[in-house]
Amino acid sequence: MNKRISLLLTSSLFLAMAGSGFAHAAVDAVQAQELMKTNKCGKCHEIAKTKTAPSLKKIAAKYKGKTDGEEKIIKNITTGPTVKDADGNEEEHYIIKTKDPAKLKNLAQWILSQ
């Protein structure tokens, strides 16, 4: 009887651990904020307030729930497209200084979490 219980508990634990591998990693907010600070994103963007560029909350609202939202944010911060600022002026978006896909994905996910 004890062997059955031990086997059942061990099997349950194994299945629970195996299933947890499919869960998404949590967003590293500190890393995302540091990347924004290093790249001076705060010059134009704030979390809740529009400066010369939309707030991160507005960006998140625009892309949240869209299957390609994360991809579009990453494209915007890595390719330097022409964007309009709050005054209607057009300029090239700053290209972030990292090629690390994990850091870019983390930053995009953090923006979407706003």
Protein backbone atom coordinates (compact mmCIF):
# COMPACT_ATOMS: atom_id res chain seq x y z
CA MET A 1 0.00 0.00 0.00
CA ASN A 2 2.78 2.46 0.92
CA LYS A 3 4.58 1.67 -2.34
CA ARG A 4 1.45 2.51 -4.31
CA ILE A 5 1.06 5.84 -2.53
CA SER A 6 4.73 6.67 -3.01
CA LEU A 7 4.56 5.73 -6.67
CA LEU A 8 1.40 7.79 -7.15
CA LEU A 9 2.89 10.83 -5.42
CA THR A 10 6.15 10.54 -7.36
CA SER A 11 4.28 10.22 -10.65
CA SER A 12 2.08 13.21 -9.84
CA LEU A 13 5.11 15.30 -8.94
CA PHE A 14 6.88 14.29 -12.15
CA LEU A 15 3.86 15.20 -14.28
CA ALA A 16 3.44 18.52 -12.52
CA MET A 17 7.09 19.41 -13.08
CA ALA A 18 6.97 18.31 -16.72
CA GLY A 19 3.90 20.45 -17.34
CA SER A 20 5.49 23.52 -15.81
CA GLY A 21 8.06 23.58 -18.61
CA PHE A 22 5.37 24.83 -20.97
CA ALA A 23 4.53 27.85 -18.84
CA HIS A 24 5.78 31.23 -20.02
CA ALA A 25 8.57 32.80 -18.05
CA ALA A 26 7.59 35.87 -16.08
CA VAL A 27 8.51 39.26 -17.46
CA ASP A 28 11.70 40.66 -15.93
CA ALA A 29 10.54 44.23 -15.25
CA VAL A 30 13.91 45.30 -13.86
CA GLN A 31 15.73 44.14 -16.99
CA ALA A 32 13.16 45.83 -19.25
CA GLN A 33 13.37 49.11 -17.35
CA GLU A 34 17.17 48.99 -17.41
CA LEU A 35 17.13 48.44 -21.17
CA MET A 36 14.79 51.42 -21.57
CA LYS A 37 17.03 53.54 -19.33
CA THR A 38 20.21 52.54 -21.17
CA ASN A 39 18.60 53.41 -24.51
CA LYS A 40 17.09 56.68 -23.21
CA CYS A 41 13.54 55.63 -24.14
CA GLY A 42 12.29 57.82 -21.27
CA LYS A 43 13.27 60.87 -23.28
CA CYS A 44 10.11 60.35 -25.36
CA HIS A 45 8.07 57.70 -23.50
CA GLU A 46 6.65 57.43 -19.98
CA ILE A 47 4.52 54.67 -18.56
CA ALA A 48 1.28 56.60 -18.12
CA LYS A 49 1.87 60.05 -19.60
CA THR A 50 2.27 61.09 -23.24
CA LYS A 51 5.43 63.12 -23.76
CA THR A 52 6.65 63.57 -27.32
CA ALA A 53 5.65 59.94 -27.95
CA PRO A 54 2.74 57.83 -26.72
CA SER A 55 2.79 56.46 -23.20
CA LEU A 56 3.61 52.80 -22.74
CA LYS A 57 0.01 52.30 -21.59
CA LYS A 58 -1.24 53.63 -24.94
CA ILE A 59 1.18 51.40 -26.82
CA ALA A 60 0.07 48.40 -24.75
CA ALA A 61 -3.60 49.19 -25.41
CA LYS A 62 -2.91 49.39 -29.15
CA TYR A 63 -1.22 45.99 -29.34
CA LYS A 64 -2.69 44.01 -26.41
CA GLY A 65 -4.62 40.95 -27.52
CA LYS A 66 -3.22 41.03 -31.05
CA THR A 67 -1.33 37.94 -32.10
CA ASP A 68 1.40 40.03 -33.68
CA GLY A 69 1.54 42.77 -31.01
CA GLU A 70 4.83 41.63 -29.51
CA GLU A 71 6.35 41.24 -32.97
CA LYS A 72 5.25 44.75 -34.01
CA ILE A 73 6.75 46.32 -30.88
CA ILE A 74 10.05 44.53 -31.49
CA LYS A 75 10.05 45.60 -35.14
CA ASN A 76 9.39 49.22 -34.12
CA ILE A 77 12.29 49.33 -31.66
CA THR A 78 14.77 47.49 -33.90
CA THR A 79 14.18 48.94 -37.38
CA GLY A 80 13.78 52.69 -36.81
CA PRO A 81 10.58 53.38 -38.74
CA THR A 82 9.34 56.93 -39.28
CA VAL A 83 6.96 57.88 -36.47
CA LYS A 84 4.90 60.95 -35.64
CA ASP A 85 5.42 62.63 -32.30
CA ALA A 86 2.71 64.31 -30.23
CA ASP A 87 3.23 67.59 -32.15
CA GLY A 88 2.76 65.87 -35.53
CA ASN A 89 6.45 66.05 -36.44
CA GLU A 90 7.91 62.98 -38.15
CA GLU A 91 11.21 61.42 -37.22
CA GLU A 92 12.91 58.04 -37.25
CA HIS A 93 12.28 55.98 -34.15
CA TYR A 94 15.42 55.30 -32.16
CA ILE A 95 16.90 51.82 -32.73
CA ILE A 96 17.50 50.01 -29.46
CA LYS A 97 21.08 48.93 -28.82
CA THR A 98 20.66 45.20 -28.34
CA LYS A 99 20.29 42.28 -30.71
CA ASP A 100 19.53 39.82 -27.91
CA PRO A 101 16.15 38.29 -28.85
CA ALA A 102 15.40 37.36 -25.23
CA LYS A 103 15.90 40.96 -24.05
CA LEU A 104 13.83 42.34 -26.92
CA LYS A 105 11.03 39.86 -26.23
CA ASN A 106 11.15 40.68 -22.51
CA LEU A 107 10.94 44.41 -23.22
CA ALA A 108 8.01 43.96 -25.60
CA GLN A 109 6.18 41.77 -23.08
CA TRP A 110 6.85 44.30 -20.33
CA ILE A 111 5.44 47.11 -22.49
CA LEU A 112 2.37 44.97 -23.21
CA SER A 113 1.91 44.40 -19.47
CA GLN A 114 1.44 48.11 -18.80
